[in-house]
Amino acid sequence: MKKHVLLGLVATTALFAQTAFAEPTCTKELKDKWMTELDAQKKIVGEMGYVIYKFKESDGACYEIYGMGAKEGGAAGEMEKVEIYFNPIDLSIVEKKKD
């Protein structure tokens, strides 16, 4: 009996841990509709004003960056660390985490 309870607890914990760290899903569109990585990086830096330290394609069909962005409510030029998931079609922000 204790063995079954323990196995159930381990399985439940694994399920919750997996969903807690799940990446957002940004699109279900095929990759041929996505903006190219180079064009996305140019827009994220040039038009949106982010500094990119790492750019990657996430498992959730997103473009994901780790970098710096303008601090909301901060002084002009004040930056903060960010992790952002972008929709690869139009670069809308799906999820943004600040450090």
PDB file of N, CA and C in Angstrom:
ATOM      1  N   MET A   1       0.821  -1.188   0.000  1.00  0.00           N
ATOM      2  CA  MET A   1       0.000   0.000   0.000  1.00  0.00           C
ATOM      3  C   MET A   1       0.872   1.262   0.000  1.00  0.00           C
ATOM      4  N   LYS A   2       1.893   1.284   0.865  1.00  0.00           N
ATOM      5  CA  LYS A   2       2.780   2.453   0.923  1.00  0.00           C
ATOM      6  C   LYS A   2       3.495   2.658  -0.407  1.00  0.00           C
ATOM      7  N   LYS A   3       3.814   1.553  -1.055  1.00  0.00           N
ATOM      8  CA  LYS A   3       4.511   1.627  -2.329  1.00  0.00           C
ATOM      9  C   LYS A   3       3.639   2.319  -3.387  1.00  0.00           C
ATOM     10  N   HIS A   4       2.342   2.001  -3.413  1.00  0.00           N
ATOM     11  CA  HIS A   4       1.425   2.611  -4.377  1.00  0.00           C
ATOM     12  C   HIS A   4       1.239   4.102  -4.107  1.00  0.00           C
ATOM     13  N   VAL A   5       1.161   4.461  -2.847  1.00  0.00           N
ATOM     14  CA  VAL A   5       1.016   5.863  -2.477  1.00  0.00           C
ATOM     15  C   VAL A   5       2.266   6.635  -2.882  1.00  0.00           C
ATOM     16  N   LEU A   6       3.424   6.063  -2.618  1.00  0.00           N
ATOM     17  CA  LEU A   6       4.687   6.708  -2.967  1.00  0.00           C
ATOM     18  C   LEU A   6       4.811   6.877  -4.474  1.00  0.00           C
ATOM     19  N   LEU A   7       4.468   5.853  -5.251  1.00  0.00           N
ATOM     20  CA  LEU A   7       4.527   5.942  -6.706  1.00  0.00           C
ATOM     21  C   LEU A   7       3.562   7.011  -7.224  1.00  0.00           C
ATOM     22  N   GLY A   8       2.388   7.079  -6.644  1.00  0.00           N
ATOM     23  CA  GLY A   8       1.416   8.103  -7.035  1.00  0.00           C
ATOM     24  C   GLY A   8       1.922   9.503  -6.736  1.00  0.00           C
ATOM     25  N   LEU A   9       2.540   9.657  -5.586  1.00  0.00           N
ATOM     26  CA  LEU A   9       3.094  10.951  -5.195  1.00  0.00           C
ATOM     27  C   LEU A   9       4.221  11.369  -6.128  1.00  0.00           C
ATOM     28  N   VAL A  10       5.092  10.451  -6.473  1.00  0.00           N
ATOM     29  CA  VAL A  10       6.199  10.746  -7.386  1.00  0.00           C
ATOM     30  C   VAL A  10       5.660  11.127  -8.759  1.00  0.00           C
ATOM     31  N   ALA A  11       4.680  10.402  -9.261  1.00  0.00           N
ATOM     32  CA  ALA A  11       4.104  10.702 -10.576  1.00  0.00           C
ATOM     33  C   ALA A  11       3.425  12.068 -10.582  1.00  0.00           C
ATOM     34  N   THR A  12       2.694  12.397  -9.526  1.00  0.00           N
ATOM     35  CA  THR A  12       2.024  13.692  -9.426  1.00  0.00           C
ATOM     36  C   THR A  12       3.036  14.822  -9.356  1.00  0.00           C
ATOM     37  N   THR A  13       4.073  14.640  -8.580  1.00  0.00           N
ATOM     38  CA  THR A  13       5.123  15.655  -8.468  1.00  0.00           C
ATOM     39  C   THR A  13       5.790  15.881  -9.813  1.00  0.00           C
ATOM     40  N   ALA A  14       6.077  14.836 -10.538  1.00  0.00           N
ATOM     41  CA  ALA A  14       6.707  14.955 -11.856  1.00  0.00           C
ATOM     42  C   ALA A  14       5.789  15.699 -12.825  1.00  0.00           C
ATOM     43  N   LEU A  15       4.500  15.434 -12.761  1.00  0.00           N
ATOM     44  CA  LEU A  15       3.539  16.102 -13.637  1.00  0.00           C
ATOM     45  C   LEU A  15       3.496  17.594 -13.354  1.00  0.00           C
ATOM     46  N   PHE A  16       3.425  17.981 -12.083  1.00  0.00           N
ATOM     47  CA  PHE A  16       3.385  19.395 -11.728  1.00  0.00           C
ATOM     48  C   PHE A  16       4.700  20.089 -12.049  1.00  0.00           C
ATOM     49  N   ALA A  17       5.814  19.435 -11.862  1.00  0.00           N
ATOM     50  CA  ALA A  17       7.109  20.028 -12.168  1.00  0.00           C
ATOM     51  C   ALA A  17       7.232  20.288 -13.658  1.00  0.00           C
ATOM     52  N   GLN A  18       6.708  19.387 -14.457  1.00  0.00           N
ATOM     53  CA  GLN A  18       6.777  19.541 -15.899  1.00  0.00           C
ATOM     54  C   GLN A  18       5.925  20.725 -16.360  1.00  0.00           C
ATOM     55  N   THR A  19       4.740  20.898 -15.835  1.00  0.00           N
ATOM     56  CA  THR A  19       3.891  22.008 -16.245  1.00  0.00           C
ATOM     57  C   THR A  19       4.394  23.329 -15.688  1.00  0.00           C
ATOM     58  N   ALA A  20       5.072  23.325 -14.564  1.00  0.00           N
ATOM     59  CA  ALA A  20       5.584  24.561 -13.979  1.00  0.00           C
ATOM     60  C   ALA A  20       6.674  25.170 -14.847  1.00  0.00           C
ATOM     61  N   PHE A  21       7.434  24.356 -15.560  1.00  0.00           N
ATOM     62  CA  PHE A  21       8.527  24.843 -16.382  1.00  0.00           C
ATOM     63  C   PHE A  21       8.201  24.794 -17.867  1.00  0.00           C
ATOM     64  N   ALA A  22       6.947  24.586 -18.213  1.00  0.00           N
ATOM     65  CA  ALA A  22       6.561  24.501 -19.610  1.00  0.00           C
ATOM     66  C   ALA A  22       6.668  25.865 -20.284  1.00  0.00           C
ATOM     67  N   GLU A  23       7.154  25.841 -21.502  1.00  0.00           N
ATOM     68  CA  GLU A  23       7.251  27.068 -22.280  1.00  0.00           C
ATOM     69  C   GLU A  23       5.897  27.364 -22.905  1.00  0.00           C
ATOM     70  N   PRO A  24       5.617  28.630 -23.178  1.00  0.00           N
ATOM     71  CA  PRO A  24       4.350  28.951 -23.830  1.00  0.00           C
ATOM     72  C   PRO A  24       4.356  28.455 -25.279  1.00  0.00           C
ATOM     73  N   THR A  25       3.179  28.262 -25.829  1.00  0.00           N
ATOM     74  CA  THR A  25       3.044  27.944 -27.241  1.00  0.00           C
ATOM     75  C   THR A  25       2.734  29.245 -27.961  1.00  0.00           C
ATOM     76  N   CYS A  26       3.559  29.605 -28.924  1.00  0.00           N
ATOM     77  CA  CYS A  26       3.422  30.897 -29.593  1.00  0.00           C
ATOM     78  C   CYS A  26       2.651  30.820 -30.901  1.00  0.00           C
ATOM     79  N   THR A  27       2.806  29.724 -31.641  1.00  0.00           N
ATOM     80  CA  THR A  27       2.090  29.583 -32.901  1.00  0.00           C
ATOM     81  C   THR A  27       1.982  28.116 -33.281  1.00  0.00           C
ATOM     82  N   LYS A  28       1.014  27.841 -34.107  1.00  0.00           N
ATOM     83  CA  LYS A  28       0.879  26.505 -34.689  1.00  0.00           C
ATOM     84  C   LYS A  28       1.115  26.566 -36.194  1.00  0.00           C
ATOM     85  N   GLU A  29       1.501  27.751 -36.678  1.00  0.00           N
ATOM     86  CA  GLU A  29       1.779  27.940 -38.103  1.00  0.00           C
ATOM     87  C   GLU A  29       3.048  27.189 -38.508  1.00  0.00           C
ATOM     88  N   LEU A  30       3.105  26.784 -39.766  1.00  0.00           N
ATOM     89  CA  LEU A  30       4.292  26.121 -40.296  1.00  0.00           C
ATOM     90  C   LEU A  30       5.446  27.118 -40.381  1.00  0.00           C
ATOM     91  N   LYS A  31       6.655  26.605 -40.333  1.00  0.00           N
ATOM     92  CA  LYS A  31       7.843  27.460 -40.307  1.00  0.00           C
ATOM     93  C   LYS A  31       7.997  28.331 -41.550  1.00  0.00           C
ATOM     94  N   ASP A  32       7.429  27.923 -42.659  1.00  0.00           N
ATOM     95  CA  ASP A  32       7.567  28.744 -43.862  1.00  0.00           C
ATOM     96  C   ASP A  32       6.806  30.070 -43.753  1.00  0.00           C
ATOM     97  N   LYS A  33       5.958  30.192 -42.734  1.00  0.00           N
ATOM     98  CA  LYS A  33       5.236  31.444 -42.480  1.00  0.00           C
ATOM     99  C   LYS A  33       5.964  32.318 -41.449  1.00  0.00           C
ATOM    100  N   TRP A  34       6.981  31.765 -40.784  1.00  0.00           N
ATOM    101  CA  TRP A  34       7.708  32.482 -39.738  1.00  0.00           C
ATOM    102  C   TRP A  34       8.614  33.549 -40.346  1.00  0.00           C
ATOM    103  N   MET A  35       8.854  34.599 -39.585  1.00  0.00           N
ATOM    104  CA  MET A  35       9.866  35.586 -39.925  1.00  0.00           C
ATOM    105  C   MET A  35      11.221  34.892 -39.798  1.00  0.00           C
ATOM    106  N   THR A  36      12.170  35.239 -40.640  1.00  0.00           N
ATOM    107  CA  THR A  36      13.492  34.606 -40.520  1.00  0.00           C
ATOM    108  C   THR A  36      14.134  35.028 -39.194  1.00  0.00           C
ATOM    109  N   GLU A  37      15.039  34.205 -38.699  1.00  0.00           N
ATOM    110  CA  GLU A  37      15.717  34.520 -37.438  1.00  0.00           C
ATOM    111  C   GLU A  37      16.474  35.837 -37.538  1.00  0.00           C
ATOM    112  N   LEU A  38      17.134  36.075 -38.667  1.00  0.00           N
ATOM    113  CA  LEU A  38      17.899  37.304 -38.839  1.00  0.00           C
ATOM    114  C   LEU A  38      16.983  38.531 -38.843  1.00  0.00           C
ATOM    115  N   ASP A  39      15.865  38.461 -39.575  1.00  0.00           N
ATOM    116  CA  ASP A  39      14.917  39.579 -39.591  1.00  0.00           C
ATOM    117  C   ASP A  39      14.311  39.810 -38.209  1.00  0.00           C
ATOM    118  N   ALA A  40      14.028  38.720 -37.497  1.00  0.00           N
ATOM    119  CA  ALA A  40      13.471  38.844 -36.144  1.00  0.00           C
ATOM    120  C   ALA A  40      14.472  39.530 -35.216  1.00  0.00           C
ATOM    121  N   GLN A  41      15.729  39.117 -35.278  1.00  0.00           N
ATOM    122  CA  GLN A  41      16.755  39.722 -34.427  1.00  0.00           C
ATOM    123  C   GLN A  41      16.930  41.206 -34.747  1.00  0.00           C
ATOM    124  N   LYS A  42      16.931  41.553 -36.022  1.00  0.00           N
ATOM    125  CA  LYS A  42      17.067  42.961 -36.418  1.00  0.00           C
ATOM    126  C   LYS A  42      15.919  43.796 -35.856  1.00  0.00           C
ATOM    127  N   LYS A  43      14.695  43.268 -35.930  1.00  0.00           N
ATOM    128  CA  LYS A  43      13.529  44.006 -35.441  1.00  0.00           C
ATOM    129  C   LYS A  43      13.536  44.103 -33.916  1.00  0.00           C
ATOM    130  N   ILE A  44      13.897  43.013 -33.238  1.00  0.00           N
ATOM    131  CA  ILE A  44      13.924  43.000 -31.776  1.00  0.00           C
ATOM    132  C   ILE A  44      14.935  44.016 -31.243  1.00  0.00           C
ATOM    133  N   VAL A  45      16.079  44.113 -31.914  1.00  0.00           N
ATOM    134  CA  VAL A  45      17.114  45.062 -31.488  1.00  0.00           C
ATOM    135  C   VAL A  45      16.811  46.469 -32.003  1.00  0.00           C
ATOM    136  N   GLY A  46      16.608  46.599 -33.310  1.00  0.00           N
ATOM    137  CA  GLY A  46      16.468  47.909 -33.929  1.00  0.00           C
ATOM    138  C   GLY A  46      15.188  48.645 -33.605  1.00  0.00           C
ATOM    139  N   GLU A  47      14.057  47.974 -33.717  1.00  0.00           N
ATOM    140  CA  GLU A  47      12.764  48.628 -33.508  1.00  0.00           C
ATOM    141  C   GLU A  47      12.256  48.520 -32.072  1.00  0.00           C
ATOM    142  N   MET A  48      12.528  47.379 -31.436  1.00  0.00           N
ATOM    143  CA  MET A  48      11.983  47.157 -30.092  1.00  0.00           C
ATOM    144  C   MET A  48      12.959  47.577 -28.996  1.00  0.00           C
ATOM    145  N   GLY A  49      14.229  47.751 -29.341  1.00  0.00           N
ATOM    146  CA  GLY A  49      15.210  48.283 -28.407  1.00  0.00           C
ATOM    147  C   GLY A  49      15.800  47.309 -27.401  1.00  0.00           C
ATOM    148  N   TYR A  50      15.677  46.011 -27.642  1.00  0.00           N
ATOM    149  CA  TYR A  50      16.257  45.026 -26.725  1.00  0.00           C
ATOM    150  C   TYR A  50      17.703  44.740 -27.092  1.00  0.00           C
ATOM    151  N   VAL A  51      18.477  44.343 -26.098  1.00  0.00           N
ATOM    152  CA  VAL A  51      19.825  43.830 -26.303  1.00  0.00           C
ATOM    153  C   VAL A  51      19.709  42.317 -26.164  1.00  0.00           C
ATOM    154  N   ILE A  52      20.186  41.593 -27.162  1.00  0.00           N
ATOM    155  CA  ILE A  52      20.063  40.132 -27.156  1.00  0.00           C
ATOM    156  C   ILE A  52      21.386  39.504 -26.748  1.00  0.00           C
ATOM    157  N   TYR A  53      21.361  38.700 -25.671  1.00  0.00           N
ATOM    158  CA  TYR A  53      22.525  37.905 -25.279  1.00  0.00           C
ATOM    159  C   TYR A  53      22.433  36.509 -25.882  1.00  0.00           C
ATOM    160  N   LYS A  54      21.203  35.972 -25.919  1.00  0.00           N
ATOM    161  CA  LYS A  54      20.986  34.640 -26.476  1.00  0.00           C
ATOM    162  C   LYS A  54      19.656  34.654 -27.208  1.00  0.00           C
ATOM    163  N   PHE A  55      19.642  34.109 -28.413  1.00  0.00           N
ATOM    164  CA  PHE A  55      18.445  34.010 -29.238  1.00  0.00           C
ATOM    165  C   PHE A  55      18.293  32.555 -29.631  1.00  0.00           C
ATOM    166  N   LYS A  56      17.093  32.009 -29.460  1.00  0.00           N
ATOM    167  CA  LYS A  56      16.889  30.616 -29.839  1.00  0.00           C
ATOM    168  C   LYS A  56      15.430  30.374 -30.204  1.00  0.00           C
ATOM    169  N   GLU A  57      15.220  29.249 -30.858  1.00  0.00           N
ATOM    170  CA  GLU A  57      13.871  28.787 -31.143  1.00  0.00           C
ATOM    171  C   GLU A  57      13.494  27.842 -30.004  1.00  0.00           C
ATOM    172  N   SER A  58      12.396  28.142 -29.322  1.00  0.00           N
ATOM    173  CA  SER A  58      12.004  27.310 -28.179  1.00  0.00           C
ATOM    174  C   SER A  58      11.153  26.139 -28.634  1.00  0.00           C
ATOM    175  N   ASP A  59      10.942  25.211 -27.741  1.00  0.00           N
ATOM    176  CA  ASP A  59      10.117  24.037 -28.026  1.00  0.00           C
ATOM    177  C   ASP A  59       8.656  24.407 -28.250  1.00  0.00           C
ATOM    178  N   GLY A  60       8.239  25.551 -27.763  1.00  0.00           N
ATOM    179  CA  GLY A  60       6.845  25.977 -27.895  1.00  0.00           C
ATOM    180  C   GLY A  60       6.574  26.758 -29.165  1.00  0.00           C
ATOM    181  N   ALA A  61       7.410  26.589 -30.186  1.00  0.00           N
ATOM    182  CA  ALA A  61       7.266  27.288 -31.465  1.00  0.00           C
ATOM    183  C   ALA A  61       7.325  28.799 -31.268  1.00  0.00           C
ATOM    184  N   CYS A  62       8.324  29.238 -30.523  1.00  0.00           N
ATOM    185  CA  CYS A  62       8.542  30.656 -30.255  1.00  0.00           C
ATOM    186  C   CYS A  62       9.977  31.014 -30.618  1.00  0.00           C
ATOM    187  N   TYR A  63      10.201  32.310 -30.799  1.00  0.00           N
ATOM    188  CA  TYR A  63      11.554  32.826 -30.741  1.00  0.00           C
ATOM    189  C   TYR A  63      11.725  33.310 -29.313  1.00  0.00           C
ATOM    190  N   GLU A  64      12.811  32.913 -28.688  1.00  0.00           N
ATOM    191  CA  GLU A  64      13.050  33.249 -27.284  1.00  0.00           C
ATOM    192  C   GLU A  64      14.368  33.997 -27.173  1.00  0.00           C
ATOM    193  N   ILE A  65      14.356  35.070 -26.394  1.00  0.00           N
ATOM    194  CA  ILE A  65      15.605  35.783 -26.146  1.00  0.00           C
ATOM    195  C   ILE A  65      15.874  35.885 -24.654  1.00  0.00           C
ATOM    196  N   TYR A  66      17.148  35.949 -24.345  1.00  0.00           N
ATOM    197  CA  TYR A  66      17.636  36.326 -23.021  1.00  0.00           C
ATOM    198  C   TYR A  66      18.442  37.584 -23.292  1.00  0.00           C
ATOM    199  N   GLY A  67      18.150  38.653 -22.575  1.00  0.00           N
ATOM    200  CA  GLY A  67      18.861  39.883 -22.839  1.00  0.00           C
ATOM    201  C   GLY A  67      18.498  40.984 -21.869  1.00  0.00           C
ATOM    202  N   MET A  68      18.525  42.204 -22.389  1.00  0.00           N
ATOM    203  CA  MET A  68      18.233  43.396 -21.590  1.00  0.00           C
ATOM    204  C   MET A  68      17.175  44.221 -22.313  1.00  0.00           C
ATOM    205  N   GLY A  69      16.318  44.863 -21.514  1.00  0.00           N
ATOM    206  CA  GLY A  69      15.299  45.744 -22.046  1.00  0.00           C
ATOM    207  C   GLY A  69      15.109  46.929 -21.128  1.00  0.00           C
ATOM    208  N   ALA A  70      14.467  47.960 -21.647  1.00  0.00           N
ATOM    209  CA  ALA A  70      14.220  49.164 -20.851  1.00  0.00           C
ATOM    210  C   ALA A  70      13.406  48.800 -19.612  1.00  0.00           C
ATOM    211  N   LYS A  71      13.834  49.300 -18.478  1.00  0.00           N
ATOM    212  CA  LYS A  71      13.149  49.027 -17.224  1.00  0.00           C
ATOM    213  C   LYS A  71      11.866  49.850 -17.168  1.00  0.00           C
ATOM    214  N   GLU A  72      10.746  49.166 -16.998  1.00  0.00           N
ATOM    215  CA  GLU A  72       9.452  49.848 -16.915  1.00  0.00           C
ATOM    216  C   GLU A  72       9.409  50.723 -15.672  1.00  0.00           C
ATOM    217  N   GLY A  73       9.109  51.989 -15.873  1.00  0.00           N
ATOM    218  CA  GLY A  73       9.053  52.912 -14.751  1.00  0.00           C
ATOM    219  C   GLY A  73      10.403  53.388 -14.274  1.00  0.00           C
ATOM    220  N   GLY A  74      11.447  52.949 -14.947  1.00  0.00           N
ATOM    221  CA  GLY A  74      12.798  53.336 -14.549  1.00  0.00           C
ATOM    222  C   GLY A  74      13.227  54.626 -15.230  1.00  0.00           C
ATOM    223  N   ALA A  75      14.378  55.108 -14.862  1.00  0.00           N
ATOM    224  CA  ALA A  75      14.944  56.312 -15.469  1.00  0.00           C
ATOM    225  C   ALA A  75      15.313  56.019 -16.924  1.00  0.00           C
ATOM    226  N   ALA A  76      15.397  57.064 -17.723  1.00  0.00           N
ATOM    227  CA  ALA A  76      15.762  56.907 -19.127  1.00  0.00           C
ATOM    228  C   ALA A  76      17.091  56.167 -19.233  1.00  0.00           C
ATOM    229  N   GLY A  77      17.127  55.146 -20.059  1.00  0.00           N
ATOM    230  CA  GLY A  77      18.349  54.373 -20.251  1.00  0.00           C
ATOM    231  C   GLY A  77      18.565  53.270 -19.240  1.00  0.00           C
ATOM    232  N   GLU A  78      17.714  53.187 -18.215  1.00  0.00           N
ATOM    233  CA  GLU A  78      17.860  52.127 -17.207  1.00  0.00           C
ATOM    234  C   GLU A  78      17.359  50.807 -17.790  1.00  0.00           C
ATOM    235  N   MET A  79      18.176  49.764 -17.683  1.00  0.00           N
ATOM    236  CA  MET A  79      17.869  48.466 -18.286  1.00  0.00           C
ATOM    237  C   MET A  79      17.719  47.394 -17.210  1.00  0.00           C
ATOM    238  N   GLU A  80      16.993  46.329 -17.588  1.00  0.00           N
ATOM    239  CA  GLU A  80      16.841  45.173 -16.707  1.00  0.00           C
ATOM    240  C   GLU A  80      16.935  43.904 -17.544  1.00  0.00           C
ATOM    241  N   LYS A  81      17.324  42.796 -16.891  1.00  0.00           N
ATOM    242  CA  LYS A  81      17.410  41.507 -17.572  1.00  0.00           C
ATOM    243  C   LYS A  81      16.005  41.027 -17.903  1.00  0.00           C
ATOM    244  N   VAL A  82      15.864  40.430 -19.098  1.00  0.00           N
ATOM    245  CA  VAL A  82      14.574  39.911 -19.527  1.00  0.00           C
ATOM    246  C   VAL A  82      14.739  38.565 -20.216  1.00  0.00           C
ATOM    247  N   GLU A  83      13.687  37.787 -20.147  1.00  0.00           N
ATOM    248  CA  GLU A  83      13.541  36.567 -20.937  1.00  0.00           C
ATOM    249  C   GLU A  83      12.195  36.727 -21.622  1.00  0.00           C
ATOM    250  N   ILE A  84      12.185  36.712 -22.954  1.00  0.00           N
ATOM    251  CA  ILE A  84      10.959  36.997 -23.683  1.00  0.00           C
ATOM    252  C   ILE A  84      10.710  35.929 -24.741  1.00  0.00           C
ATOM    253  N   TYR A  85       9.444  35.505 -24.827  1.00  0.00           N
ATOM    254  CA  TYR A  85       8.988  34.589 -25.865  1.00  0.00           C
ATOM    255  C   TYR A  85       8.176  35.397 -26.870  1.00  0.00           C
ATOM    256  N   PHE A  86       8.599  35.356 -28.142  1.00  0.00           N
ATOM    257  CA  PHE A  86       7.931  36.084 -29.213  1.00  0.00           C
ATOM    258  C   PHE A  86       7.218  35.123 -30.156  1.00  0.00           C
ATOM    259  N   ASN A  87       6.058  35.548 -30.658  1.00  0.00           N
ATOM    260  CA  ASN A  87       5.406  34.833 -31.736  1.00  0.00           C
ATOM    261  C   ASN A  87       6.288  35.032 -32.969  1.00  0.00           C
ATOM    262  N   PRO A  88       6.728  33.955 -33.638  1.00  0.00           N
ATOM    263  CA  PRO A  88       7.659  34.087 -34.754  1.00  0.00           C
ATOM    264  C   PRO A  88       7.020  34.617 -36.041  1.00  0.00           C
ATOM    265  N   ILE A  89       5.714  34.785 -36.047  1.00  0.00           N
ATOM    266  CA  ILE A  89       5.018  35.316 -37.214  1.00  0.00           C
ATOM    267  C   ILE A  89       5.088  36.843 -37.226  1.00  0.00           C
ATOM    268  N   ASP A  90       4.702  37.472 -36.088  1.00  0.00           N
ATOM    269  CA  ASP A  90       4.602  38.933 -36.034  1.00  0.00           C
ATOM    270  C   ASP A  90       5.426  39.566 -34.902  1.00  0.00           C
ATOM    271  N   LEU A  91       6.157  38.752 -34.168  1.00  0.00           N
ATOM    272  CA  LEU A  91       6.988  39.173 -33.031  1.00  0.00           C
ATOM    273  C   LEU A  91       6.188  39.814 -31.893  1.00  0.00           C
ATOM    274  N   SER A  92       4.925  39.475 -31.790  1.00  0.00           N
ATOM    275  CA  SER A  92       4.190  39.918 -30.612  1.00  0.00           C
ATOM    276  C   SER A  92       4.739  39.165 -29.399  1.00  0.00           C
ATOM    277  N   ILE A  93       4.750  39.826 -28.251  1.00  0.00           N
ATOM    278  CA  ILE A  93       5.281  39.211 -27.035  1.00  0.00           C
ATOM    279  C   ILE A  93       4.219  38.296 -26.443  1.00  0.00           C
ATOM    280  N   VAL A  94       4.567  37.034 -26.288  1.00  0.00           N
ATOM    281  CA  VAL A  94       3.658  36.035 -25.726  1.00  0.00           C
ATOM    282  C   VAL A  94       3.863  35.944 -24.224  1.00  0.00           C
ATOM    283  N   GLU A  95       5.113  36.007 -23.798  1.00  0.00           N
ATOM    284  CA  GLU A  95       5.418  35.960 -22.352  1.00  0.00           C
ATOM    285  C   GLU A  95       6.718  36.706 -22.129  1.00  0.00           C
ATOM    286  N   LYS A  96       6.753  37.472 -21.031  1.00  0.00           N
ATOM    287  CA  LYS A  96       7.945  38.241 -20.683  1.00  0.00           C
ATOM    288  C   LYS A  96       8.232  38.042 -19.214  1.00  0.00           C
ATOM    289  N   LYS A  97       9.459  37.652 -18.908  1.00  0.00           N
ATOM    290  CA  LYS A  97       9.899  37.483 -17.518  1.00  0.00           C
ATOM    291  C   LYS A  97      11.021  38.454 -17.257  1.00  0.00           C
ATOM    292  N   LYS A  98      10.971  39.086 -16.115  1.00  0.00           N
ATOM    293  CA  LYS A  98      12.019  40.036 -15.729  1.00  0.00           C
ATOM    294  C   LYS A  98      12.812  39.463 -14.567  1.00  0.00           C
ATOM    295  N   ASP A  99      14.078  39.820 -14.515  1.00  0.00           N
ATOM    296  CA  ASP A  99      14.936  39.335 -13.446  1.00  0.00           C
ATOM    297  C   ASP A  99      14.841  40.233 -12.241  1.00  0.00           C
TER     298      ASP A  99
END
